């Protein structure tokens, strides 16, 4: 199965650590959403969207890429890192996927070191994350449905 993971990881490469670990698990192509690409997303069986959380949602480049490039009816998953956990972080990307009649196979989020805004004054929050357990959990999340899809 061919997998495409479209990601954005900016400040501390928290999300990049997860997607790079997953990339070693099969036929996985990583695409930085901030870069131009001629990839044909229709060539992939499964598409993942991975991002740090910015203003309570996935990065704008991820949302824009999904809106423009996600083919109808694809299987998708979401992966994110954040300073504090909330269930609503996938709402915006989920709405785009649903509008494209995508089958959402899962979502995984974990803590990621965060020094945005006032958190910088206290040295950041979620220090040391994602840690080895977070990365292992992300791998297990991916492998679980990679073998099922």
C-alpha atoms as a PDB file:
ATOM      1  CA  UNK A   1       0.000   0.000   0.000  1.00  0.00           C
ATOM      2  CA  UNK A   2       1.264   3.462  -0.917  1.00  0.00           C
ATOM      3  CA  UNK A   3       0.980   6.086   1.794  1.00  0.00           C
ATOM      4  CA  UNK A   4       1.399   9.845   1.557  1.00  0.00           C
ATOM      5  CA  UNK A   5       1.869  11.901   4.709  1.00  0.00           C
ATOM      6  CA  UNK A   6       1.459  15.637   4.210  1.00  0.00           C
ATOM      7  CA  UNK A   7       3.020  17.388   7.191  1.00  0.00           C
ATOM      8  CA  UNK A   8       3.980  20.716   8.684  1.00  0.00           C
ATOM      9  CA  UNK A   9       6.492  20.868  11.533  1.00  0.00           C
ATOM     10  CA  UNK A  10       7.895  24.252  12.381  1.00  0.00           C
ATOM     11  CA  UNK A  11       9.239  25.267  15.765  1.00  0.00           C
ATOM     12  CA  UNK A  12      10.802  22.205  17.410  1.00  0.00           C
ATOM     13  CA  UNK A  13      10.265  19.502  14.743  1.00  0.00           C
ATOM     14  CA  UNK A  14       7.905  17.664  17.096  1.00  0.00           C
ATOM     15  CA  UNK A  15       5.640  16.442  14.297  1.00  0.00           C
ATOM     16  CA  UNK A  16       8.586  15.714  12.010  1.00  0.00           C
ATOM     17  CA  UNK A  17       9.938  13.245  14.592  1.00  0.00           C
ATOM     18  CA  UNK A  18       6.685  11.278  14.380  1.00  0.00           C
ATOM     19  CA  UNK A  19       6.368  11.247  10.586  1.00  0.00           C
ATOM     20  CA  UNK A  20      10.010  10.306  10.081  1.00  0.00           C
ATOM     21  CA  UNK A  21       9.569   7.326  12.418  1.00  0.00           C
ATOM     22  CA  UNK A  22       6.434   6.274  10.538  1.00  0.00           C
ATOM     23  CA  UNK A  23       8.144   6.697   7.146  1.00  0.00           C
ATOM     24  CA  UNK A  24      10.299   3.676   7.914  1.00  0.00           C
ATOM     25  CA  UNK A  25       7.277   1.399   8.267  1.00  0.00           C
ATOM     26  CA  UNK A  26       6.417   0.782   4.607  1.00  0.00           C
ATOM     27  CA  UNK A  27       5.909   2.525   1.285  1.00  0.00           C
ATOM     28  CA  UNK A  28       5.511   5.992   2.835  1.00  0.00           C
ATOM     29  CA  UNK A  29       6.180   9.292   1.087  1.00  0.00           C
ATOM     30  CA  UNK A  30       6.570  12.448   3.186  1.00  0.00           C
ATOM     31  CA  UNK A  31       5.489  15.785   1.738  1.00  0.00           C
ATOM     32  CA  UNK A  32       6.182  19.058   3.519  1.00  0.00           C
ATOM     33  CA  UNK A  33       2.982  21.064   2.999  1.00  0.00           C
ATOM     34  CA  UNK A  34       5.013  24.291   2.788  1.00  0.00           C
ATOM     35  CA  UNK A  35       6.846  23.125  -0.339  1.00  0.00           C
ATOM     36  CA  UNK A  36       5.589  22.966  -3.911  1.00  0.00           C
ATOM     37  CA  UNK A  37       5.168  19.474  -5.255  1.00  0.00           C
ATOM     38  CA  UNK A  38       3.967  17.775  -8.404  1.00  0.00           C
ATOM     39  CA  UNK A  39       2.880  14.623  -6.578  1.00  0.00           C
ATOM     40  CA  UNK A  40      -0.373  13.123  -7.764  1.00  0.00           C
ATOM     41  CA  UNK A  41      -2.260  12.396  -4.547  1.00  0.00           C
ATOM     42  CA  UNK A  42      -4.542   9.993  -6.448  1.00  0.00           C
ATOM     43  CA  UNK A  43      -1.607   7.569  -6.698  1.00  0.00           C
ATOM     44  CA  UNK A  44      -1.775   6.894  -2.939  1.00  0.00           C
ATOM     45  CA  UNK A  45      -4.007   4.425  -1.121  1.00  0.00           C
ATOM     46  CA  UNK A  46      -3.873   6.262   2.206  1.00  0.00           C
ATOM     47  CA  UNK A  47      -3.181   9.926   2.968  1.00  0.00           C
ATOM     48  CA  UNK A  48      -2.119  11.236   6.361  1.00  0.00           C
ATOM     49  CA  UNK A  49      -2.176  14.821   7.532  1.00  0.00           C
ATOM     50  CA  UNK A  50       0.308  15.652  10.287  1.00  0.00           C
ATOM     51  CA  UNK A  51       0.797  18.986  11.998  1.00  0.00           C
ATOM     52  CA  UNK A  52       1.664  20.839  15.109  1.00  0.00           C
ATOM     53  CA  UNK A  53      -1.311  22.751  16.457  1.00  0.00           C
ATOM     54  CA  UNK A  54      -1.537  26.439  15.612  1.00  0.00           C
ATOM     55  CA  UNK A  55      -4.376  28.504  17.071  1.00  0.00           C
ATOM     56  CA  UNK A  56      -6.360  25.369  18.006  1.00  0.00           C
ATOM     57  CA  UNK A  57      -6.099  23.643  14.596  1.00  0.00           C
ATOM     58  CA  UNK A  58      -3.775  22.139  12.021  1.00  0.00           C
ATOM     59  CA  UNK A  59      -1.413  24.573  10.280  1.00  0.00           C
ATOM     60  CA  UNK A  60      -2.902  26.654   7.465  1.00  0.00           C
ATOM     61  CA  UNK A  61      -0.609  25.006   4.875  1.00  0.00           C
ATOM     62  CA  UNK A  62      -2.059  21.596   5.768  1.00  0.00           C
ATOM     63  CA  UNK A  63      -5.642  22.837   5.574  1.00  0.00           C
ATOM     64  CA  UNK A  64      -4.979  24.581   2.246  1.00  0.00           C
ATOM     65  CA  UNK A  65      -3.213  21.517   0.774  1.00  0.00           C
ATOM     66  CA  UNK A  66      -6.002  19.207   1.836  1.00  0.00           C
ATOM     67  CA  UNK A  67      -8.649  21.513   0.419  1.00  0.00           C
ATOM     68  CA  UNK A  68      -6.885  21.794  -2.942  1.00  0.00           C
ATOM     69  CA  UNK A  69      -5.364  18.347  -3.425  1.00  0.00           C
ATOM     70  CA  UNK A  70      -7.262  15.653  -1.522  1.00  0.00           C
ATOM     71  CA  UNK A  71      -9.028  13.445  -4.083  1.00  0.00           C
ATOM     72  CA  UNK A  72     -12.588  12.344  -3.416  1.00  0.00           C
ATOM     73  CA  UNK A  73     -13.146   9.184  -1.402  1.00  0.00           C
ATOM     74  CA  UNK A  74      -9.606   8.608  -0.091  1.00  0.00           C
ATOM     75  CA  UNK A  75      -8.756   6.926   3.201  1.00  0.00           C
ATOM     76  CA  UNK A  76      -7.126   9.460   5.529  1.00  0.00           C
ATOM     77  CA  UNK A  77      -5.688   9.767   9.016  1.00  0.00           C
ATOM     78  CA  UNK A  78      -4.630  12.640  11.250  1.00  0.00           C
ATOM     79  CA  UNK A  79      -1.517  12.994  13.382  1.00  0.00           C
ATOM     80  CA  UNK A  80      -0.647  15.974  15.574  1.00  0.00           C
ATOM     81  CA  UNK A  81       1.546  17.293  18.364  1.00  0.00           C
ATOM     82  CA  UNK A  82       0.431  19.944  20.831  1.00  0.00           C
ATOM     83  CA  UNK A  83       1.398  21.671  24.051  1.00  0.00           C
ATOM     84  CA  UNK A  84      -1.904  20.747  25.727  1.00  0.00           C
ATOM     85  CA  UNK A  85      -4.359  18.044  24.640  1.00  0.00           C
ATOM     86  CA  UNK A  86      -7.839  18.940  23.364  1.00  0.00           C
ATOM     87  CA  UNK A  87     -10.226  16.852  21.292  1.00  0.00           C
ATOM     88  CA  UNK A  88     -11.204  19.703  18.961  1.00  0.00           C
ATOM     89  CA  UNK A  89      -7.825  20.105  17.228  1.00  0.00           C
ATOM     90  CA  UNK A  90      -8.838  17.914  14.281  1.00  0.00           C
ATOM     91  CA  UNK A  91     -12.188  19.645  13.657  1.00  0.00           C
ATOM     92  CA  UNK A  92     -11.019  21.840  10.745  1.00  0.00           C
ATOM     93  CA  UNK A  93      -9.096  19.086   8.904  1.00  0.00           C
ATOM     94  CA  UNK A  94     -11.934  16.649   9.589  1.00  0.00           C
ATOM     95  CA  UNK A  95     -14.432  19.034   7.933  1.00  0.00           C
ATOM     96  CA  UNK A  96     -12.266  19.230   4.812  1.00  0.00           C
ATOM     97  CA  UNK A  97     -11.896  15.437   4.678  1.00  0.00           C
ATOM     98  CA  UNK A  98     -15.621  14.911   5.142  1.00  0.00           C
ATOM     99  CA  UNK A  99     -16.385  17.422   2.368  1.00  0.00           C
ATOM    100  CA  UNK A 100     -14.131  15.314   0.115  1.00  0.00           C
ATOM    101  CA  UNK A 101     -16.053  12.166   1.179  1.00  0.00           C
ATOM    102  CA  UNK A 102     -12.889  10.727   2.709  1.00  0.00           C
ATOM    103  CA  UNK A 103     -12.943   7.704   4.979  1.00  0.00           C
ATOM    104  CA  UNK A 104     -11.246   8.768   8.213  1.00  0.00           C
ATOM    105  CA  UNK A 105      -9.424   5.734   9.614  1.00  0.00           C
ATOM    106  CA  UNK A 106      -8.017   7.319  12.757  1.00  0.00           C
ATOM    107  CA  UNK A 107      -6.406  10.178  14.622  1.00  0.00           C
ATOM    108  CA  UNK A 108      -3.415  10.289  16.966  1.00  0.00           C
ATOM    109  CA  UNK A 109      -2.222  13.238  19.004  1.00  0.00           C
ATOM    110  CA  UNK A 110       0.499  13.564  21.594  1.00  0.00           C
ATOM    111  CA  UNK A 111       2.252  16.267  23.537  1.00  0.00           C
ATOM    112  CA  UNK A 112       4.997  18.247  21.859  1.00  0.00           C
ATOM    113  CA  UNK A 113       7.401  20.795  23.333  1.00  0.00           C
ATOM    114  CA  UNK A 114       5.682  24.189  23.017  1.00  0.00           C
ATOM    115  CA  UNK A 115       7.277  27.606  23.477  1.00  0.00           C
ATOM    116  CA  UNK A 116       4.639  29.692  21.698  1.00  0.00           C
ATOM    117  CA  UNK A 117       3.615  33.047  23.159  1.00  0.00           C
ATOM    118  CA  UNK A 118       3.466  33.145  26.942  1.00  0.00           C
ATOM    119  CA  UNK A 119       4.827  29.589  27.247  1.00  0.00           C
ATOM    120  CA  UNK A 120       8.208  30.960  26.174  1.00  0.00           C
ATOM    121  CA  UNK A 121       8.343  33.043  29.369  1.00  0.00           C
ATOM    122  CA  UNK A 122       8.303  29.882  31.512  1.00  0.00           C
ATOM    123  CA  UNK A 123      10.679  27.894  29.303  1.00  0.00           C
ATOM    124  CA  UNK A 124       7.908  26.107  27.431  1.00  0.00           C
ATOM    125  CA  UNK A 125       5.503  23.312  28.256  1.00  0.00           C
ATOM    126  CA  UNK A 126       5.506  19.589  27.473  1.00  0.00           C
ATOM    127  CA  UNK A 127       9.288  19.546  27.696  1.00  0.00           C
ATOM    128  CA  UNK A 128      10.875  16.367  26.387  1.00  0.00           C
ATOM    129  CA  UNK A 129       7.919  15.505  24.146  1.00  0.00           C
ATOM    130  CA  UNK A 130       7.412  13.775  21.917  1.00  0.00           C
ATOM    131  CA  UNK A 131       9.380  11.196  23.851  1.00  0.00           C
ATOM    132  CA  UNK A 132      10.149   7.566  22.976  1.00  0.00           C
ATOM    133  CA  UNK A 133       6.743   6.409  24.240  1.00  0.00           C
ATOM    134  CA  UNK A 134       4.929   9.055  22.168  1.00  0.00           C
ATOM    135  CA  UNK A 135       6.832   7.947  19.068  1.00  0.00           C
ATOM    136  CA  UNK A 136       6.180   4.277  19.822  1.00  0.00           C
ATOM    137  CA  UNK A 137       2.468   5.001  20.310  1.00  0.00           C
ATOM    138  CA  UNK A 138       2.373   6.877  16.980  1.00  0.00           C
ATOM    139  CA  UNK A 139       4.010   3.905  15.263  1.00  0.00           C
ATOM    140  CA  UNK A 140       1.530   1.493  16.833  1.00  0.00           C
ATOM    141  CA  UNK A 141      -1.341   3.752  15.771  1.00  0.00           C
ATOM    142  CA  UNK A 142      -0.083   3.775  12.186  1.00  0.00           C
ATOM    143  CA  UNK A 143       0.784   0.069  11.937  1.00  0.00           C
ATOM    144  CA  UNK A 144      -2.633  -0.925  13.320  1.00  0.00           C
ATOM    145  CA  UNK A 145      -4.568   0.455  10.379  1.00  0.00           C
ATOM    146  CA  UNK A 146      -1.753   0.225   7.803  1.00  0.00           C
ATOM    147  CA  UNK A 147      -2.099  -3.545   8.034  1.00  0.00           C
ATOM    148  CA  UNK A 148      -5.911  -3.333   7.905  1.00  0.00           C
ATOM    149  CA  UNK A 149      -6.339  -0.934   4.975  1.00  0.00           C
END
